[in-house]
Amino acid sequence: MTTAGIILAAGKGTRMKSNTPKQLHKVAGVALVGHVVRIMRIAGIEDISVVVSPEMADNADLKSALLPRVSISIQAEQRGTADALNAARQAVARADSIVVAPVDMILVSGETVCEIIETHNSSNALATVLGVNVEDASGLGRINLDSSRNPTSILEEHEADRELLKSKLINTAWYCFDNKWIWDELDAIQPADTGEVYLPRTIESAAATGRSRVVISGDPETGLGINDRIQLSNVERIMRQRTNEAHMGNGVTIQDPATTYIDIDVEVGPDTSIGAGTHIGTRSTIGSQVTIGPNTQIISSKIADNAIIDGARIIDSVVGEGAEVGTNALVRGGAELMTGSKVGNLAEIKNSKIGEGSKVSHFSYVGDATVGKNVNIGAGTITCNYDGKDKHPTVIEDDALIGSSTMLVAPVTIGKTARTGAGSVVRIDVVAGDTVAGVPAKSIKSK
């Protein structure tokens, strides 16, 4: 049997008090809507539709948060969750069943969603709901069960009687429905006083035929939704704790998990050590036996095996095997540090390739450059790559030695084994094997 997914994300989220739409607020580096898509994909659901308001239909940030094969459906007016589901009717027409989820319940595991689908299919249910027992159920909808422990209704707190209010079993708003049955039931729902039509009412119809089911999660955190910034931070804390524990379970040492922030979809190899205060952003890959010092920041980058990153920032770049990056260094903009290369403290590498075994010493800036193998760049060296209008390349070939505080005025090429004296200002190419010094730099090899 085939199962499609629908994510209800058309709400305004006014309690977030934000100009950012609720579904685009991030937890562990991923937008809420992206989390729900990932949960569904882990459960094997490929075809997914996200229901949004007309204002969000062409939002670029929304589209970038979604994975491939996720379509967008539009709820023209906010008329309740049942009406929102109706907006995606055509998007999931071919499926046998549909999993429906809110955009703000992201602590549900993929395994739990698989259990919902299995329970639904194996019992020939028309409607299956995910419930969870929580410590404080105040303000939340309760699931009413019959003597066979099947749901008969879902009632909001103001609708429940005293006996039901004693229950801690709440509705997570994750459902599985028979795809042929659900649409007529939506049409039959009577509007509330507000004019809205509510999806939980379908449970009563399924119960009337004896074909309603409930899956009860054993994890109370499953029931934590996000309606304001406080709840957002609570879910963020739990998500990051889960992420850190998963990495530690795979052989990663995390010095202080409470101050280590690793985003979703980050890969970390075994025997890697991560210092306190480190942030590793999504789309990053960390190899094995990497040493990451305290207060390091790595974003959208690849760090190869045995590298050492000591309190530096690595952004959109690659650090090769056994390479080292010193404290407060910045490596960014598509930079690539090859095997065994080194970048010193407070140096910056931008859009440059640093060759195998080469060293860029502290306080240096290397931008838009290609540095060969076994080059030694002295402290305070700057590639002057910008002329006020355009940026220009610098090429430093193998085995060259650049003296401290050299200014390399691009475009310029330093040939193999060439040398520059400390404090030189190099404005023209230096041929292989030559030594230059001075302002402007001139050849001194023959002197």
Protein backbone atom coordinates (compact mmCIF):
# COMPACT_ATOMS: atom_id res chain seq x y z
CA MET A 1 0.00 0.00 0.00
CA THR A 2 1.20 3.50 -0.81
CA THR A 3 1.24 6.32 1.72
CA ALA A 4 1.50 10.04 0.98
CA GLY A 5 2.08 12.88 3.43
CA ILE A 6 0.38 16.20 4.03
CA ILE A 7 1.87 18.88 6.28
CA LEU A 8 -0.52 21.55 7.56
CA ALA A 9 1.48 24.77 7.58
CA ALA A 10 -1.00 27.52 6.73
CA GLY A 11 -1.39 28.95 10.24
CA LYS A 12 -0.31 32.48 11.04
CA GLY A 13 1.69 31.61 14.16
CA THR A 14 0.90 34.95 15.79
CA ARG A 15 2.17 33.84 19.18
CA MET A 16 5.69 33.67 17.77
CA LYS A 17 5.53 37.50 17.52
CA SER A 18 7.81 37.43 14.52
CA ASN A 19 8.08 38.70 10.96
CA THR A 20 9.39 35.24 10.08
CA PRO A 21 6.55 32.80 9.32
CA LYS A 22 6.24 30.15 12.00
CA GLN A 23 6.97 27.27 9.64
CA LEU A 24 10.34 28.84 8.76
CA HIS A 25 11.61 29.24 12.31
CA LYS A 26 14.56 26.93 12.77
CA VAL A 27 15.44 24.20 15.23
CA ALA A 28 18.98 22.80 15.02
CA GLY A 29 19.56 24.60 11.74
CA VAL A 30 16.46 23.31 9.94
CA ALA A 31 13.11 25.08 9.45
CA LEU A 32 10.14 23.49 11.23
CA VAL A 33 8.56 22.49 7.94
CA GLY A 34 11.84 20.87 6.90
CA HIS A 35 11.87 18.79 10.08
CA VAL A 36 8.42 17.37 9.36
CA VAL A 37 9.43 16.53 5.78
CA ARG A 38 12.48 14.68 7.12
CA ILE A 39 10.41 12.74 9.65
CA MET A 40 8.07 11.61 6.89
CA ARG A 41 10.97 10.64 4.63
CA ILE A 42 12.53 8.56 7.42
CA ALA A 43 9.18 6.75 7.61
CA GLY A 44 9.41 5.99 3.89
CA ILE A 45 6.91 8.61 2.67
CA GLU A 46 8.11 10.01 -0.64
CA ASP A 47 5.19 12.06 -1.97
CA ILE A 48 4.54 14.98 0.38
CA SER A 49 2.47 18.13 0.03
CA VAL A 50 2.76 21.18 2.27
CA VAL A 51 -0.39 23.28 2.75
CA VAL A 52 0.38 26.99 3.08
CA SER A 53 -1.40 30.33 2.86
CA PRO A 54 -1.43 32.24 -0.45
CA GLU A 55 1.17 34.66 0.96
CA MET A 56 3.64 31.79 1.41
CA ALA A 57 3.14 30.08 -1.94
CA ASP A 58 6.09 31.77 -3.67
CA ASN A 59 8.28 32.26 -0.61
CA ALA A 60 11.87 31.45 -1.60
CA ASP A 61 12.87 30.47 1.94
CA LEU A 62 9.99 27.99 2.10
CA LYS A 63 11.04 26.37 -1.16
CA SER A 64 14.66 26.10 -0.07
CA ALA A 65 13.56 24.43 3.19
CA LEU A 66 11.79 21.63 1.34
CA LEU A 67 13.36 18.45 -0.03
CA PRO A 68 12.79 17.18 -3.60
CA ARG A 69 9.36 15.79 -4.48
CA VAL A 70 7.59 18.03 -1.99
CA SER A 71 4.71 19.96 -3.56
CA ILE A 72 2.94 23.06 -2.26
CA SER A 73 -0.84 23.28 -1.87
CA ILE A 74 -2.66 26.52 -1.02
CA GLN A 75 -5.43 27.05 1.51
CA ALA A 76 -7.17 30.10 0.10
CA GLU A 77 -8.74 31.13 3.42
CA GLN A 78 -8.03 30.01 6.96
CA ARG A 79 -11.12 27.95 7.69
CA GLY A 80 -9.64 25.35 10.03
CA THR A 81 -7.54 22.20 9.80
CA ALA A 82 -10.12 20.15 7.89
CA ASP A 83 -10.30 22.83 5.20
CA ALA A 84 -6.49 22.97 5.10
CA LEU A 85 -6.35 19.23 4.47
CA ASN A 86 -8.90 19.58 1.68
CA ALA A 87 -6.53 21.94 -0.10
CA ALA A 88 -4.11 19.04 -0.75
CA ARG A 89 -6.71 16.58 -2.03
CA GLN A 90 -5.42 16.45 -5.60
CA ALA A 91 -1.76 16.31 -4.57
CA VAL A 92 -2.19 12.92 -2.87
CA ALA A 93 -4.94 11.42 -5.03
CA ARG A 94 -2.99 8.28 -5.98
CA ALA A 95 -2.10 7.12 -2.46
CA ASP A 96 -3.95 4.44 -0.50
CA SER A 97 -3.50 6.26 2.80
CA ILE A 98 -2.24 9.65 3.94
CA VAL A 99 -0.25 10.73 6.97
CA VAL A 100 -1.26 14.21 8.11
CA ALA A 101 0.96 16.25 10.42
CA PRO A 102 1.10 19.76 11.89
CA VAL A 103 4.17 21.85 11.17
CA ASP A 104 5.00 22.38 14.85
CA MET A 105 5.22 18.83 16.30
CA ILE A 106 8.75 17.87 15.26
CA LEU A 107 9.84 15.56 18.09
CA VAL A 108 7.86 12.67 16.60
CA SER A 109 10.30 10.02 15.37
CA GLY A 110 10.24 8.38 11.98
CA GLU A 111 9.90 5.03 13.74
CA THR A 112 6.73 6.25 15.45
CA VAL A 113 5.29 7.34 12.10
CA CYS A 114 6.05 3.85 10.75
CA GLU A 115 4.14 2.43 13.71
CA ILE A 116 1.15 4.67 12.95
CA ILE A 117 1.10 3.48 9.33
CA GLU A 118 1.50 -0.19 10.30
CA THR A 119 -1.26 0.00 12.92
CA HIS A 120 -3.54 1.78 10.48
CA ASN A 121 -3.01 -0.68 7.63
CA SER A 122 -3.00 -3.90 9.66
CA SER A 123 -6.26 -3.02 11.47
CA ASN A 124 -8.04 -1.80 8.33
CA ALA A 125 -8.67 1.50 10.10
CA LEU A 126 -10.23 4.54 8.53
CA ALA A 127 -8.56 6.97 10.92
CA THR A 128 -5.59 6.53 13.26
CA VAL A 129 -4.31 9.21 15.63
CA LEU A 130 -1.04 9.54 17.52
CA GLY A 131 -1.49 10.28 21.21
CA VAL A 132 0.90 10.74 24.10
CA ASN A 133 0.56 10.97 27.86
CA VAL A 134 2.05 14.18 29.23
CA GLU A 135 2.54 15.59 32.73
CA ASP A 136 0.69 18.82 32.05
CA ALA A 137 -2.18 18.50 29.59
CA SER A 138 -3.71 21.90 30.32
CA GLY A 139 -4.90 23.70 27.21
CA LEU A 140 -4.49 20.62 25.01
CA GLY A 141 -7.00 18.43 23.21
CA ARG A 142 -7.76 15.09 24.88
CA ILE A 143 -8.32 11.75 23.19
CA ASN A 144 -11.39 9.93 24.49
CA LEU A 145 -11.00 6.12 24.48
CA ASP A 146 -13.63 3.40 24.69
CA SER A 147 -13.37 0.17 26.69
CA SER A 148 -11.32 -1.39 23.86
CA ARG A 149 -8.80 1.46 24.02
CA ASN A 150 -9.87 2.81 20.65
CA PRO A 151 -10.54 6.55 20.19
CA THR A 152 -14.14 7.71 20.09
CA SER A 153 -13.50 11.45 19.88
CA ILE A 154 -10.95 14.19 20.30
CA LEU A 155 -12.15 17.11 22.40
CA GLU A 156 -10.63 20.47 23.15
CA GLU A 157 -10.26 21.34 26.82
CA HIS A 158 -13.36 23.55 26.92
CA GLU A 159 -15.40 20.72 25.38
CA ALA A 160 -14.28 17.93 27.74
CA ASP A 161 -16.17 16.85 30.84
CA ARG A 162 -14.54 16.54 34.25
CA GLU A 163 -13.75 12.86 33.80
CA LEU A 164 -11.97 13.37 30.48
CA LEU A 165 -10.06 16.35 31.88
CA LYS A 166 -8.41 13.93 34.32
CA SER A 167 -6.83 12.20 31.33
CA LYS A 168 -3.28 13.10 30.31
CA LEU A 169 -3.65 11.52 26.85
CA ILE A 170 -3.38 14.36 24.36
CA ASN A 171 -3.73 14.65 20.61
CA THR A 172 -0.45 15.29 18.75
CA ALA A 173 -2.38 16.15 15.54
CA TRP A 174 -0.48 13.42 13.66
CA TYR A 175 -2.97 11.19 11.83
CA CYS A 176 -3.23 8.46 9.23
CA PHE A 177 -6.39 8.34 7.10
CA ASP A 178 -7.84 6.08 4.45
CA ASN A 179 -7.48 8.17 1.31
CA LYS A 180 -10.83 7.16 -0.19
CA TRP A 181 -12.79 7.71 2.99
CA ILE A 182 -11.41 10.96 4.38
CA TRP A 183 -12.58 13.44 1.73
CA ASP A 184 -16.31 12.79 2.07
CA GLU A 185 -15.89 13.00 5.84
CA LEU A 186 -14.29 16.42 5.54
CA ASP A 187 -17.26 17.64 3.55
CA ALA A 188 -19.61 16.37 6.27
CA ILE A 189 -17.94 18.17 9.20
CA GLN A 190 -20.16 20.83 10.73
CA PRO A 191 -18.42 24.21 11.19
CA ALA A 192 -17.73 25.46 14.70
CA ASP A 193 -19.11 28.74 15.98
CA THR A 194 -16.10 30.46 14.44
CA GLY A 195 -16.95 29.06 11.01
CA GLU A 196 -13.89 26.81 11.03
CA VAL A 197 -13.98 23.07 10.35
CA TYR A 198 -11.73 20.92 12.54
CA LEU A 199 -9.96 17.74 11.47
CA PRO A 200 -10.28 15.88 14.83
CA ARG A 201 -14.04 15.58 14.20
CA THR A 202 -13.28 12.80 11.69
CA ILE A 203 -12.34 10.47 14.54
CA GLU A 204 -15.97 10.35 15.64
CA SER A 205 -17.08 9.20 12.19
CA ALA A 206 -14.43 6.47 12.05
CA ALA A 207 -15.33 5.36 15.59
CA ALA A 208 -18.98 5.00 14.61
CA THR A 209 -17.96 2.22 12.21
CA GLY A 210 -15.53 0.63 14.68
CA ARG A 211 -12.54 1.58 12.52
CA SER A 212 -10.71 4.20 14.58
CA ARG A 213 -7.34 3.45 16.14
CA VAL A 214 -4.76 5.17 18.34
CA VAL A 215 -1.00 4.77 18.68
CA ILE A 216 0.28 6.01 22.03
CA SER A 217 3.90 7.15 22.09
CA GLY A 218 5.93 6.16 25.13
CA ASP A 219 7.99 9.34 24.91
CA PRO A 220 6.31 12.37 26.57
CA GLU A 221 8.50 14.72 24.52
CA THR A 222 6.55 13.62 21.44
CA GLY A 223 3.72 15.86 22.65
CA LEU A 224 5.74 19.06 22.77
CA GLY A 225 4.52 21.53 20.16
CA ILE A 226 5.81 24.97 19.24
CA ASN A 227 3.55 27.99 19.57
CA ASP A 228 5.91 30.61 20.99
CA ARG A 229 9.61 31.36 21.45
CA ILE A 230 9.78 29.61 24.82
CA GLN A 231 8.45 26.36 23.38
CA LEU A 232 10.79 26.80 20.41
CA SER A 233 13.79 26.95 22.74
CA ASN A 234 12.60 23.91 24.71
CA VAL A 235 12.27 21.82 21.56
CA GLU A 236 15.65 23.10 20.34
CA ARG A 237 17.29 21.97 23.57
CA ILE A 238 15.78 18.49 23.31
CA MET A 239 16.64 18.15 19.63
CA ARG A 240 20.26 19.13 20.25
CA GLN A 241 20.55 16.77 23.21
CA ARG A 242 19.26 13.92 21.05
CA THR A 243 21.68 14.85 18.29
CA ASN A 244 24.69 15.01 20.61
CA GLU A 245 23.80 11.71 22.25
CA ALA A 246 23.49 10.06 18.83
CA HIS A 247 26.99 11.26 17.88
CA MET A 248 28.47 10.15 21.20
CA GLY A 249 26.83 6.78 20.73
CA ASN A 250 28.68 6.52 17.41
CA GLY A 251 32.08 7.10 19.00
CA VAL A 252 32.42 10.90 19.07
CA THR A 253 33.80 12.63 22.17
CA ILE A 254 31.93 15.81 23.10
CA GLN A 255 33.64 17.66 25.93
CA ASP A 256 30.54 19.51 27.12
CA PRO A 257 27.29 18.52 25.38
CA ALA A 258 25.40 21.36 27.08
CA THR A 259 27.45 23.97 25.20
CA THR A 260 27.97 22.06 21.95
CA TYR A 261 25.56 22.84 19.12
CA ILE A 262 25.43 20.37 16.24
CA ASP A 263 22.78 20.87 13.59
CA ILE A 264 20.65 18.25 11.89
CA ASP A 265 22.23 16.27 9.01
CA VAL A 266 25.81 16.79 10.22
CA GLU A 267 28.06 13.75 9.82
CA VAL A 268 30.85 13.16 12.35
CA GLY A 269 33.29 10.25 12.16
CA PRO A 270 34.39 8.09 15.10
CA ASP A 271 37.17 9.13 17.48
CA THR A 272 36.65 12.78 16.66
CA SER A 273 36.86 15.10 19.68
CA ILE A 274 34.72 18.25 19.92
CA GLY A 275 35.57 20.99 22.42
CA ALA A 276 33.10 23.01 24.48
CA GLY A 277 31.31 25.92 22.85
CA THR A 278 31.57 24.49 19.35
CA HIS A 279 28.90 25.13 16.69
CA ILE A 280 28.67 22.80 13.67
CA GLY A 281 26.13 23.88 11.08
CA THR A 282 23.96 21.76 8.84
CA ARG A 283 25.43 20.37 5.60
CA SER A 284 28.79 19.85 7.30
CA THR A 285 30.83 16.63 7.27
CA ILE A 286 33.50 15.91 9.86
CA GLY A 287 35.88 12.98 9.36
CA SER A 288 37.41 10.53 11.83
CA GLN A 289 40.00 11.39 14.48
CA VAL A 290 39.48 15.11 13.94
CA THR A 291 40.36 17.40 16.84
CA ILE A 292 38.00 20.36 17.16
CA GLY A 293 39.08 22.82 19.83
CA PRO A 294 36.77 24.90 22.01
CA ASN A 295 34.66 27.66 20.45
CA THR A 296 35.06 26.43 16.88
CA GLN A 297 32.42 27.28 14.28
CA ILE A 298 31.98 25.08 11.21
CA ILE A 299 29.26 25.89 8.66
CA SER A 300 28.52 24.01 5.41
CA SER A 301 32.04 22.64 5.28
CA LYS A 302 33.95 19.39 4.97
CA ILE A 303 36.70 18.49 7.44
CA ALA A 304 38.80 15.46 6.50
CA ASP A 305 40.30 12.82 8.80
CA ASN A 306 42.95 13.80 11.37
CA ALA A 307 42.51 17.53 10.83
CA ILE A 308 42.90 19.97 13.74
CA ILE A 309 40.58 22.98 14.02
CA ASP A 310 41.47 24.99 17.11
CA GLY A 311 38.84 27.62 17.83
CA ALA A 312 38.57 28.78 14.22
CA ARG A 313 35.68 29.55 11.85
CA ILE A 314 35.30 27.39 8.75
CA ILE A 315 32.54 28.50 6.36
CA ASP A 316 31.66 26.92 2.99
CA SER A 317 35.13 25.42 2.72
CA VAL A 318 37.15 22.19 2.75
CA VAL A 319 39.91 21.29 5.20
CA GLY A 320 42.04 18.39 3.99
CA GLU A 321 43.40 15.37 5.80
CA GLY A 322 45.79 16.25 8.60
CA ALA A 323 45.48 19.99 7.92
CA GLU A 324 45.59 22.42 10.84
CA VAL A 325 43.75 25.70 11.42
CA GLY A 326 44.77 27.93 14.33
CA THR A 327 42.81 29.90 16.89
CA ASN A 328 40.58 32.71 15.59
CA ALA A 329 41.46 31.97 11.98
CA LEU A 330 38.75 32.38 9.33
CA VAL A 331 38.52 30.02 6.36
CA ARG A 332 35.64 30.93 4.06
CA GLY A 333 34.18 31.41 0.62
CA GLY A 334 35.08 28.11 -1.01
CA ALA A 335 38.60 27.87 0.37
CA GLU A 336 40.35 24.51 0.21
CA LEU A 337 43.20 23.48 2.48
CA MET A 338 45.01 20.48 1.04
CA THR A 339 46.54 17.57 2.96
CA GLY A 340 48.94 18.57 5.72
CA SER A 341 48.61 22.31 5.15
CA LYS A 342 48.53 24.76 8.06
CA VAL A 343 46.83 28.08 8.72
CA GLY A 344 48.05 30.10 11.70
CA ASN A 345 46.22 32.04 14.38
CA LEU A 346 44.15 35.03 13.23
CA ALA A 347 44.83 34.34 9.55
CA GLU A 348 42.09 34.52 6.91
CA ILE A 349 41.78 32.35 3.82
CA LYS A 350 39.09 33.30 1.27
CA ASN A 351 38.29 31.55 -2.02
CA SER A 352 41.81 30.13 -2.17
CA LYS A 353 43.52 26.79 -2.52
CA ILE A 354 46.38 26.12 -0.12
CA GLY A 355 48.56 23.32 -1.45
CA GLU A 356 49.73 20.16 0.25
CA GLY A 357 52.16 20.84 3.10
CA SER A 358 51.99 24.62 2.69
CA LYS A 359 51.84 27.01 5.64
CA VAL A 360 50.10 30.36 6.01
CA SER A 361 51.35 31.99 9.19
CA HIS A 362 49.40 34.10 11.68
CA PHE A 363 47.89 37.53 10.84
CA SER A 364 48.00 36.79 7.10
CA TYR A 365 45.23 37.28 4.52
CA VAL A 366 45.14 35.06 1.43
CA GLY A 367 42.26 35.80 -0.92
CA ASP A 368 41.52 34.61 -4.47
CA ALA A 369 44.84 32.78 -4.53
CA THR A 370 46.28 29.47 -5.66
CA VAL A 371 49.12 28.33 -3.44
CA GLY A 372 51.23 25.36 -4.52
CA LYS A 373 52.89 22.62 -2.46
CA ASN A 374 55.28 23.23 0.43
CA VAL A 375 54.97 27.01 0.29
CA ASN A 376 55.84 28.97 3.42
CA ILE A 377 53.93 32.25 3.80
CA GLY A 378 55.31 34.41 6.60
CA ALA A 379 53.27 36.20 9.25
CA GLY A 380 51.37 39.32 8.22
CA THR A 381 51.44 38.57 4.48
CA ILE A 382 48.55 40.00 2.46
CA THR A 383 47.34 39.24 -1.03
CA CYS A 384 46.09 42.62 -2.22
CA ASN A 385 43.38 41.17 -4.41
CA TYR A 386 40.95 44.11 -4.73
CA ASP A 387 41.69 47.26 -6.72
CA GLY A 388 38.50 49.09 -5.77
CA LYS A 389 36.57 47.70 -8.71
CA ASP A 390 37.58 44.11 -9.43
CA LYS A 391 39.23 41.24 -7.61
CA HIS A 392 42.35 39.66 -9.06
CA PRO A 393 44.15 36.33 -8.55
CA THR A 394 47.47 35.57 -6.93
CA VAL A 395 49.48 32.45 -7.82
CA ILE A 396 52.26 31.18 -5.58
CA GLU A 397 53.98 28.13 -7.04
CA ASP A 398 55.55 25.15 -5.27
CA ASP A 399 58.31 25.60 -2.65
CA ALA A 400 58.17 29.40 -2.67
CA LEU A 401 58.98 31.32 0.50
CA ILE A 402 57.10 34.53 1.23
CA GLY A 403 58.74 36.75 3.84
CA SER A 404 56.77 38.23 6.71
CA SER A 405 54.58 41.28 5.96
CA THR A 406 54.92 40.86 2.19
CA MET A 407 52.26 42.65 0.12
CA LEU A 408 51.40 40.70 -3.05
CA VAL A 409 49.58 43.14 -5.36
CA ALA A 410 47.37 41.01 -7.61
CA PRO A 411 47.32 39.94 -10.33
CA VAL A 412 50.73 38.49 -9.62
CA THR A 413 52.57 35.17 -9.84
CA ILE A 414 55.42 34.00 -7.61
CA GLY A 415 57.40 31.27 -9.40
CA LYS A 416 58.66 27.96 -8.01
CA THR A 417 61.25 28.22 -5.21
CA ALA A 418 61.13 32.03 -5.48
CA ARG A 419 61.53 34.15 -2.33
CA THR A 420 60.40 37.55 -1.13
CA GLY A 421 62.12 39.54 1.59
CA ALA A 422 60.24 40.66 4.68
CA GLY A 423 58.17 43.79 4.09
CA SER A 424 58.37 43.57 0.30
CA VAL A 425 55.66 45.02 -1.94
CA VAL A 426 55.49 42.76 -4.98
CA ARG A 427 53.78 44.39 -7.97
CA ILE A 428 55.14 42.28 -10.85
CA ASP A 429 55.62 38.56 -11.38
CA VAL A 430 58.63 36.90 -9.77
CA VAL A 431 60.28 34.26 -11.93
CA ALA A 432 61.08 30.81 -10.64
CA GLY A 433 64.09 30.68 -8.32
CA ASP A 434 64.44 34.46 -7.99
CA THR A 435 64.64 36.42 -4.73
CA VAL A 436 63.04 39.86 -4.49
CA ALA A 437 62.93 42.51 -1.77
CA GLY A 438 62.08 46.14 -1.21
CA VAL A 439 59.33 48.64 -2.06
CA PRO A 440 58.66 48.01 -4.85
CA ALA A 441 60.28 44.57 -4.76
CA LYS A 442 63.25 44.02 -7.06
CA SER A 443 65.49 41.05 -7.72
CA ILE A 444 68.45 40.81 -5.33
CA LYS A 445 69.63 37.33 -6.24
CA SER A 446 72.57 38.57 -8.30
CA LYS A 447 73.73 41.01 -5.63
